[in-house]
Amino acid sequence: MSFNQGRGKRQSRLCYLFATAPWAIEFYRAAFGAETKSRVEDNAGAAVAEVSVGESAFWLADESPEHQNFSQQALAAGAKAVLAR
């Protein structure tokens, strides 16, 4: 018996936070051929976008310190690797 019986497939997506998401969106497009599936941008230029590379989809967004969502740059964290197959 499936937990999703009759409800469709459930999926989760990674969300990568950046100090400047518009730069990241353009970088992923140029470097990996990412296609933008949806994108929202505010008047200040902050953005959030769902992008896909091949069959993999994920979110790129501006950090939001007021909501405790910090980018690696803000936390001085090391680089992370993303592996897809």
PDB file of N, CA and C in Angstrom:
ATOM      1  N   MET A   1       0.837  -1.181   0.000  1.00  0.00           N
ATOM      2  CA  MET A   1       0.000   0.000   0.000  1.00  0.00           C
ATOM      3  C   MET A   1       0.880   1.241   0.000  1.00  0.00           C
ATOM      4  N   SER A   2       0.549   2.202  -0.824  1.00  0.00           N
ATOM      5  CA  SER A   2       1.322   3.431  -0.943  1.00  0.00           C
ATOM      6  C   SER A   2       0.715   4.539  -0.093  1.00  0.00           C
ATOM      7  N   PHE A   3       1.578   5.291   0.562  1.00  0.00           N
ATOM      8  CA  PHE A   3       1.106   6.449   1.332  1.00  0.00           C
ATOM      9  C   PHE A   3       0.538   7.530   0.425  1.00  0.00           C
ATOM     10  N   ASN A   4       0.975   7.570  -0.827  1.00  0.00           N
ATOM     11  CA  ASN A   4       0.534   8.600  -1.771  1.00  0.00           C
ATOM     12  C   ASN A   4      -0.577   8.097  -2.684  1.00  0.00           C
ATOM     13  N   GLN A   5      -1.217   7.032  -2.325  1.00  0.00           N
ATOM     14  CA  GLN A   5      -2.239   6.433  -3.166  1.00  0.00           C
ATOM     15  C   GLN A   5      -3.317   7.462  -3.508  1.00  0.00           C
ATOM     16  N   GLY A   6      -3.473   7.716  -4.805  1.00  0.00           N
ATOM     17  CA  GLY A   6      -4.506   8.636  -5.266  1.00  0.00           C
ATOM     18  C   GLY A   6      -4.170  10.105  -5.103  1.00  0.00           C
ATOM     19  N   ARG A   7      -2.985  10.442  -4.595  1.00  0.00           N
ATOM     20  CA  ARG A   7      -2.650  11.847  -4.379  1.00  0.00           C
ATOM     21  C   ARG A   7      -1.507  12.339  -5.239  1.00  0.00           C
ATOM     22  N   GLY A   8      -0.955  11.526  -6.052  1.00  0.00           N
ATOM     23  CA  GLY A   8       0.173  11.962  -6.862  1.00  0.00           C
ATOM     24  C   GLY A   8       1.488  11.814  -6.111  1.00  0.00           C
ATOM     25  N   LYS A   9       2.541  12.102  -6.802  1.00  0.00           N
ATOM     26  CA  LYS A   9       3.873  11.934  -6.252  1.00  0.00           C
ATOM     27  C   LYS A   9       4.296  13.163  -5.447  1.00  0.00           C
ATOM     28  N   ARG A  10       4.849  12.959  -4.283  1.00  0.00           N
ATOM     29  CA  ARG A  10       5.377  14.065  -3.477  1.00  0.00           C
ATOM     30  C   ARG A  10       6.858  14.198  -3.742  1.00  0.00           C
ATOM     31  N   GLN A  11       7.301  15.429  -3.838  1.00  0.00           N
ATOM     32  CA  GLN A  11       8.711  15.686  -4.096  1.00  0.00           C
ATOM     33  C   GLN A  11       9.205  16.793  -3.179  1.00  0.00           C
ATOM     34  N   SER A  12      10.493  16.773  -2.915  1.00  0.00           N
ATOM     35  CA  SER A  12      11.106  17.885  -2.204  1.00  0.00           C
ATOM     36  C   SER A  12      12.152  18.501  -3.122  1.00  0.00           C
ATOM     37  N   ARG A  13      12.413  19.763  -2.930  1.00  0.00           N
ATOM     38  CA  ARG A  13      13.385  20.475  -3.752  1.00  0.00           C
ATOM     39  C   ARG A  13      14.369  21.194  -2.839  1.00  0.00           C
ATOM     40  N   LEU A  14      15.611  21.181  -3.230  1.00  0.00           N
ATOM     41  CA  LEU A  14      16.618  21.946  -2.509  1.00  0.00           C
ATOM     42  C   LEU A  14      16.458  23.422  -2.829  1.00  0.00           C
ATOM     43  N   CYS A  15      16.806  24.268  -1.861  1.00  0.00           N
ATOM     44  CA  CYS A  15      16.804  25.711  -2.076  1.00  0.00           C
ATOM     45  C   CYS A  15      18.158  26.240  -1.633  1.00  0.00           C
ATOM     46  N   TYR A  16      18.863  26.858  -2.556  1.00  0.00           N
ATOM     47  CA  TYR A  16      20.170  27.432  -2.274  1.00  0.00           C
ATOM     48  C   TYR A  16      20.003  28.931  -2.084  1.00  0.00           C
ATOM     49  N   LEU A  17      20.523  29.444  -0.976  1.00  0.00           N
ATOM     50  CA  LEU A  17      20.397  30.868  -0.660  1.00  0.00           C
ATOM     51  C   LEU A  17      21.680  31.597  -1.022  1.00  0.00           C
ATOM     52  N   PHE A  18      21.510  32.787  -1.624  1.00  0.00           N
ATOM     53  CA  PHE A  18      22.641  33.603  -2.054  1.00  0.00           C
ATOM     54  C   PHE A  18      22.455  35.038  -1.590  1.00  0.00           C
ATOM     55  N   ALA A  19      23.564  35.757  -1.467  1.00  0.00           N
ATOM     56  CA  ALA A  19      23.485  37.182  -1.149  1.00  0.00           C
ATOM     57  C   ALA A  19      22.833  37.934  -2.313  1.00  0.00           C
ATOM     58  N   THR A  20      23.051  37.464  -3.532  1.00  0.00           N
ATOM     59  CA  THR A  20      22.453  38.070  -4.727  1.00  0.00           C
ATOM     60  C   THR A  20      21.947  36.961  -5.653  1.00  0.00           C
ATOM     61  N   ALA A  21      20.706  36.581  -5.470  1.00  0.00           N
ATOM     62  CA  ALA A  21      20.120  35.493  -6.259  1.00  0.00           C
ATOM     63  C   ALA A  21      20.094  35.772  -7.760  1.00  0.00           C
ATOM     64  N   PRO A  22      19.805  37.018  -8.219  1.00  0.00           N
ATOM     65  CA  PRO A  22      19.819  37.230  -9.674  1.00  0.00           C
ATOM     66  C   PRO A  22      21.163  36.849 -10.309  1.00  0.00           C
ATOM     67  N   TRP A  23      22.264  37.126  -9.608  1.00  0.00           N
ATOM     68  CA  TRP A  23      23.580  36.718 -10.106  1.00  0.00           C
ATOM     69  C   TRP A  23      23.644  35.196 -10.186  1.00  0.00           C
ATOM     70  N   ALA A  24      23.184  34.494  -9.148  1.00  0.00           N
ATOM     71  CA  ALA A  24      23.238  33.034  -9.116  1.00  0.00           C
ATOM     72  C   ALA A  24      22.386  32.421 -10.229  1.00  0.00           C
ATOM     73  N   ILE A  25      21.215  32.979 -10.462  1.00  0.00           N
ATOM     74  CA  ILE A  25      20.330  32.478 -11.520  1.00  0.00           C
ATOM     75  C   ILE A  25      21.024  32.581 -12.870  1.00  0.00           C
ATOM     76  N   GLU A  26      21.652  33.711 -13.131  1.00  0.00           N
ATOM     77  CA  GLU A  26      22.374  33.902 -14.396  1.00  0.00           C
ATOM     78  C   GLU A  26      23.584  32.967 -14.474  1.00  0.00           C
ATOM     79  N   PHE A  27      24.291  32.797 -13.357  1.00  0.00           N
ATOM     80  CA  PHE A  27      25.450  31.905 -13.338  1.00  0.00           C
ATOM     81  C   PHE A  27      25.038  30.478 -13.690  1.00  0.00           C
ATOM     82  N   TYR A  28      23.989  29.956 -13.057  1.00  0.00           N
ATOM     83  CA  TYR A  28      23.537  28.587 -13.337  1.00  0.00           C
ATOM     84  C   TYR A  28      23.071  28.449 -14.792  1.00  0.00           C
ATOM     85  N   ARG A  29      22.472  29.505 -15.357  1.00  0.00           N
ATOM     86  CA  ARG A  29      22.063  29.463 -16.762  1.00  0.00           C
ATOM     87  C   ARG A  29      23.288  29.364 -17.663  1.00  0.00           C
ATOM     88  N   ALA A  30      24.267  30.244 -17.427  1.00  0.00           N
ATOM     89  CA  ALA A  30      25.457  30.283 -18.278  1.00  0.00           C
ATOM     90  C   ALA A  30      26.339  29.044 -18.095  1.00  0.00           C
ATOM     91  N   ALA A  31      26.522  28.606 -16.865  1.00  0.00           N
ATOM     92  CA  ALA A  31      27.451  27.506 -16.587  1.00  0.00           C
ATOM     93  C   ALA A  31      26.862  26.122 -16.866  1.00  0.00           C
ATOM     94  N   PHE A  32      25.578  25.947 -16.578  1.00  0.00           N
ATOM     95  CA  PHE A  32      24.985  24.609 -16.654  1.00  0.00           C
ATOM     96  C   PHE A  32      23.796  24.513 -17.596  1.00  0.00           C
ATOM     97  N   GLY A  33      23.450  25.612 -18.260  1.00  0.00           N
ATOM     98  CA  GLY A  33      22.298  25.591 -19.156  1.00  0.00           C
ATOM     99  C   GLY A  33      20.976  25.510 -18.412  1.00  0.00           C
ATOM    100  N   ALA A  34      20.948  25.994 -17.161  1.00  0.00           N
ATOM    101  CA  ALA A  34      19.721  25.931 -16.354  1.00  0.00           C
ATOM    102  C   ALA A  34      18.601  26.711 -17.022  1.00  0.00           C
ATOM    103  N   GLU A  35      17.413  26.145 -16.952  1.00  0.00           N
ATOM    104  CA  GLU A  35      16.212  26.808 -17.467  1.00  0.00           C
ATOM    105  C   GLU A  35      15.390  27.292 -16.282  1.00  0.00           C
ATOM    106  N   THR A  36      14.895  28.522 -16.368  1.00  0.00           N
ATOM    107  CA  THR A  36      14.072  29.077 -15.306  1.00  0.00           C
ATOM    108  C   THR A  36      12.636  28.606 -15.495  1.00  0.00           C
ATOM    109  N   LYS A  37      12.113  27.889 -14.492  1.00  0.00           N
ATOM    110  CA  LYS A  37      10.734  27.393 -14.558  1.00  0.00           C
ATOM    111  C   LYS A  37       9.765  28.449 -14.030  1.00  0.00           C
ATOM    112  N   SER A  38      10.164  29.159 -12.977  1.00  0.00           N
ATOM    113  CA  SER A  38       9.366  30.261 -12.438  1.00  0.00           C
ATOM    114  C   SER A  38      10.311  31.214 -11.725  1.00  0.00           C
ATOM    115  N   ARG A  39       9.921  32.488 -11.679  1.00  0.00           N
ATOM    116  CA  ARG A  39      10.785  33.494 -11.050  1.00  0.00           C
ATOM    117  C   ARG A  39       9.929  34.644 -10.545  1.00  0.00           C
ATOM    118  N   VAL A  40      10.251  35.109  -9.337  1.00  0.00           N
ATOM    119  CA  VAL A  40       9.597  36.271  -8.749  1.00  0.00           C
ATOM    120  C   VAL A  40      10.702  37.206  -8.268  1.00  0.00           C
ATOM    121  N   GLU A  41      10.536  38.486  -8.557  1.00  0.00           N
ATOM    122  CA  GLU A  41      11.534  39.476  -8.151  1.00  0.00           C
ATOM    123  C   GLU A  41      10.806  40.675  -7.568  1.00  0.00           C
ATOM    124  N   ASP A  42      11.345  41.230  -6.466  1.00  0.00           N
ATOM    125  CA  ASP A  42      10.702  42.401  -5.876  1.00  0.00           C
ATOM    126  C   ASP A  42      11.325  43.684  -6.418  1.00  0.00           C
ATOM    127  N   ASN A  43      10.810  44.822  -5.991  1.00  0.00           N
ATOM    128  CA  ASN A  43      11.288  46.124  -6.481  1.00  0.00           C
ATOM    129  C   ASN A  43      12.748  46.387  -6.120  1.00  0.00           C
ATOM    130  N   ALA A  44      13.226  45.772  -5.053  1.00  0.00           N
ATOM    131  CA  ALA A  44      14.617  45.967  -4.628  1.00  0.00           C
ATOM    132  C   ALA A  44      15.580  45.046  -5.382  1.00  0.00           C
ATOM    133  N   GLY A  45      15.052  44.123  -6.182  1.00  0.00           N
ATOM    134  CA  GLY A  45      15.885  43.215  -6.956  1.00  0.00           C
ATOM    135  C   GLY A  45      16.082  41.848  -6.332  1.00  0.00           C
ATOM    136  N   ALA A  46      15.543  41.623  -5.136  1.00  0.00           N
ATOM    137  CA  ALA A  46      15.634  40.296  -4.522  1.00  0.00           C
ATOM    138  C   ALA A  46      14.796  39.324  -5.346  1.00  0.00           C
ATOM    139  N   ALA A  47      15.309  38.111  -5.503  1.00  0.00           N
ATOM    140  CA  ALA A  47      14.628  37.155  -6.379  1.00  0.00           C
ATOM    141  C   ALA A  47      14.582  35.774  -5.763  1.00  0.00           C
ATOM    142  N   VAL A  48      13.614  35.006  -6.233  1.00  0.00           N
ATOM    143  CA  VAL A  48      13.531  33.575  -5.966  1.00  0.00           C
ATOM    144  C   VAL A  48      13.094  32.917  -7.269  1.00  0.00           C
ATOM    145  N   ALA A  49      13.754  31.827  -7.632  1.00  0.00           N
ATOM    146  CA  ALA A  49      13.437  31.176  -8.898  1.00  0.00           C
ATOM    147  C   ALA A  49      13.559  29.667  -8.760  1.00  0.00           C
ATOM    148  N   GLU A  50      12.672  28.971  -9.429  1.00  0.00           N
ATOM    149  CA  GLU A  50      12.806  27.529  -9.564  1.00  0.00           C
ATOM    150  C   GLU A  50      13.490  27.293 -10.900  1.00  0.00           C
ATOM    151  N   VAL A  51      14.606  26.589 -10.877  1.00  0.00           N
ATOM    152  CA  VAL A  51      15.357  26.321 -12.097  1.00  0.00           C
ATOM    153  C   VAL A  51      15.542  24.821 -12.263  1.00  0.00           C
ATOM    154  N   SER A  52      15.841  24.424 -13.483  1.00  0.00           N
ATOM    155  CA  SER A  52      16.106  23.011 -13.731  1.00  0.00           C
ATOM    156  C   SER A  52      17.337  22.861 -14.605  1.00  0.00           C
ATOM    157  N   VAL A  53      18.072  21.806 -14.338  1.00  0.00           N
ATOM    158  CA  VAL A  53      19.211  21.401 -15.151  1.00  0.00           C
ATOM    159  C   VAL A  53      18.945  19.942 -15.480  1.00  0.00           C
ATOM    160  N   GLY A  54      18.628  19.685 -16.735  1.00  0.00           N
ATOM    161  CA  GLY A  54      18.224  18.335 -17.103  1.00  0.00           C
ATOM    162  C   GLY A  54      16.930  17.986 -16.383  1.00  0.00           C
ATOM    163  N   GLU A  55      16.914  16.855 -15.698  1.00  0.00           N
ATOM    164  CA  GLU A  55      15.719  16.430 -14.972  1.00  0.00           C
ATOM    165  C   GLU A  55      15.720  16.876 -13.514  1.00  0.00           C
ATOM    166  N   SER A  56      16.778  17.554 -13.091  1.00  0.00           N
ATOM    167  CA  SER A  56      16.885  18.018 -11.705  1.00  0.00           C
ATOM    168  C   SER A  56      16.357  19.439 -11.582  1.00  0.00           C
ATOM    169  N   ALA A  57      15.500  19.660 -10.601  1.00  0.00           N
ATOM    170  CA  ALA A  57      14.959  20.999 -10.355  1.00  0.00           C
ATOM    171  C   ALA A  57      15.283  21.415  -8.927  1.00  0.00           C
ATOM    172  N   PHE A  58      15.521  22.708  -8.727  1.00  0.00           N
ATOM    173  CA  PHE A  58      15.836  23.232  -7.408  1.00  0.00           C
ATOM    174  C   PHE A  58      15.535  24.724  -7.400  1.00  0.00           C
ATOM    175  N   TRP A  59      15.596  25.330  -6.217  1.00  0.00           N
ATOM    176  CA  TRP A  59      15.302  26.747  -6.047  1.00  0.00           C
ATOM    177  C   TRP A  59      16.575  27.532  -5.763  1.00  0.00           C
ATOM    178  N   LEU A  60      16.645  28.742  -6.291  1.00  0.00           N
ATOM    179  CA  LEU A  60      17.700  29.701  -5.980  1.00  0.00           C
ATOM    180  C   LEU A  60      17.002  30.938  -5.435  1.00  0.00           C
ATOM    181  N   ALA A  61      17.475  31.446  -4.300  1.00  0.00           N
ATOM    182  CA  ALA A  61      16.783  32.574  -3.682  1.00  0.00           C
ATOM    183  C   ALA A  61      17.759  33.492  -2.963  1.00  0.00           C
ATOM    184  N   ASP A  62      17.332  34.736  -2.786  1.00  0.00           N
ATOM    185  CA  ASP A  62      18.086  35.671  -1.958  1.00  0.00           C
ATOM    186  C   ASP A  62      17.945  35.261  -0.505  1.00  0.00           C
ATOM    187  N   GLU A  63      18.997  35.508   0.260  1.00  0.00           N
ATOM    188  CA  GLU A  63      18.907  35.249   1.690  1.00  0.00           C
ATOM    189  C   GLU A  63      17.871  36.183   2.306  1.00  0.00           C
ATOM    190  N   SER A  64      17.375  35.813   3.455  1.00  0.00           N
ATOM    191  CA  SER A  64      16.362  36.601   4.150  1.00  0.00           C
ATOM    192  C   SER A  64      16.681  36.587   5.648  1.00  0.00           C
ATOM    193  N   PRO A  65      17.648  37.406   6.070  1.00  0.00           N
ATOM    194  CA  PRO A  65      18.064  37.385   7.478  1.00  0.00           C
ATOM    195  C   PRO A  65      16.919  37.620   8.463  1.00  0.00           C
ATOM    196  N   GLU A  66      15.929  38.416   8.069  1.00  0.00           N
ATOM    197  CA  GLU A  66      14.807  38.670   8.973  1.00  0.00           C
ATOM    198  C   GLU A  66      13.983  37.410   9.243  1.00  0.00           C
ATOM    199  N   HIS A  67      14.157  36.392   8.390  1.00  0.00           N
ATOM    200  CA  HIS A  67      13.477  35.102   8.572  1.00  0.00           C
ATOM    201  C   HIS A  67      14.465  33.998   8.954  1.00  0.00           C
ATOM    202  N   GLN A  68      15.668  34.387   9.363  1.00  0.00           N
ATOM    203  CA  GLN A  68      16.718  33.442   9.763  1.00  0.00           C
ATOM    204  C   GLN A  68      17.180  32.541   8.619  1.00  0.00           C
ATOM    205  N   ASN A  69      17.099  33.042   7.381  1.00  0.00           N
ATOM    206  CA  ASN A  69      17.589  32.316   6.205  1.00  0.00           C
ATOM    207  C   ASN A  69      18.830  33.030   5.698  1.00  0.00           C
ATOM    208  N   PHE A  70      20.002  32.458   5.976  1.00  0.00           N
ATOM    209  CA  PHE A  70      21.265  33.114   5.651  1.00  0.00           C
ATOM    210  C   PHE A  70      21.997  32.371   4.535  1.00  0.00           C
ATOM    211  N   SER A  71      22.664  33.131   3.689  1.00  0.00           N
ATOM    212  CA  SER A  71      23.477  32.536   2.630  1.00  0.00           C
ATOM    213  C   SER A  71      24.797  32.049   3.222  1.00  0.00           C
ATOM    214  N   GLN A  72      25.498  31.235   2.475  1.00  0.00           N
ATOM    215  CA  GLN A  72      26.820  30.782   2.907  1.00  0.00           C
ATOM    216  C   GLN A  72      27.769  31.963   3.047  1.00  0.00           C
ATOM    217  N   GLN A  73      27.613  32.976   2.173  1.00  0.00           N
ATOM    218  CA  GLN A  73      28.469  34.155   2.254  1.00  0.00           C
ATOM    219  C   GLN A  73      28.284  34.860   3.596  1.00  0.00           C
ATOM    220  N   ALA A  74      27.052  34.997   4.039  1.00  0.00           N
ATOM    221  CA  ALA A  74      26.774  35.682   5.304  1.00  0.00           C
ATOM    222  C   ALA A  74      27.308  34.895   6.495  1.00  0.00           C
ATOM    223  N   LEU A  75      27.307  33.595   6.407  1.00  0.00           N
ATOM    224  CA  LEU A  75      27.768  32.752   7.501  1.00  0.00           C
ATOM    225  C   LEU A  75      29.257  32.412   7.406  1.00  0.00           C
ATOM    226  N   ALA A  76      29.891  32.873   6.341  1.00  0.00           N
ATOM    227  CA  ALA A  76      31.307  32.564   6.081  1.00  0.00           C
ATOM    228  C   ALA A  76      31.516  31.046   6.047  1.00  0.00           C
ATOM    229  N   ALA A  77      30.539  30.350   5.493  1.00  0.00           N
ATOM    230  CA  ALA A  77      30.606  28.882   5.405  1.00  0.00           C
ATOM    231  C   ALA A  77      31.414  28.462   4.187  1.00  0.00           C
ATOM    232  N   GLY A  78      31.889  27.254   4.227  1.00  0.00           N
ATOM    233  CA  GLY A  78      32.644  26.712   3.099  1.00  0.00           C
ATOM    234  C   GLY A  78      31.731  26.349   1.940  1.00  0.00           C
ATOM    235  N   ALA A  79      32.327  26.095   0.798  1.00  0.00           N
ATOM    236  CA  ALA A  79      31.575  25.730  -0.392  1.00  0.00           C
ATOM    237  C   ALA A  79      30.941  24.360  -0.226  1.00  0.00           C
ATOM    238  N   LYS A  80      29.813  24.163  -0.835  1.00  0.00           N
ATOM    239  CA  LYS A  80      29.117  22.889  -0.828  1.00  0.00           C
ATOM    240  C   LYS A  80      29.113  22.326  -2.236  1.00  0.00           C
ATOM    241  N   ALA A  81      29.037  21.029  -2.350  1.00  0.00           N
ATOM    242  CA  ALA A  81      28.972  20.382  -3.653  1.00  0.00           C
ATOM    243  C   ALA A  81      27.570  19.859  -3.894  1.00  0.00           C
ATOM    244  N   VAL A  82      27.144  19.947  -5.132  1.00  0.00           N
ATOM    245  CA  VAL A  82      25.859  19.390  -5.526  1.00  0.00           C
ATOM    246  C   VAL A  82      26.154  18.296  -6.550  1.00  0.00           C
ATOM    247  N   LEU A  83      25.693  17.093  -6.248  1.00  0.00           N
ATOM    248  CA  LEU A  83      25.904  15.981  -7.153  1.00  0.00           C
ATOM    249  C   LEU A  83      24.571  15.570  -7.751  1.00  0.00           C
ATOM    250  N   ALA A  84      24.555  15.394  -9.054  1.00  0.00           N
ATOM    251  CA  ALA A  84      23.347  14.962  -9.742  1.00  0.00           C
ATOM    252  C   ALA A  84      23.684  13.754 -10.599  1.00  0.00           C
ATOM    253  N   ARG A  85      22.708  12.877 -10.708  1.00  0.00           N
ATOM    254  CA  ARG A  85      22.928  11.765 -11.622  1.00  0.00           C
ATOM    255  C   ARG A  85      21.691  11.463 -12.408  1.00  0.00           C
TER     256      ARG A  85
END
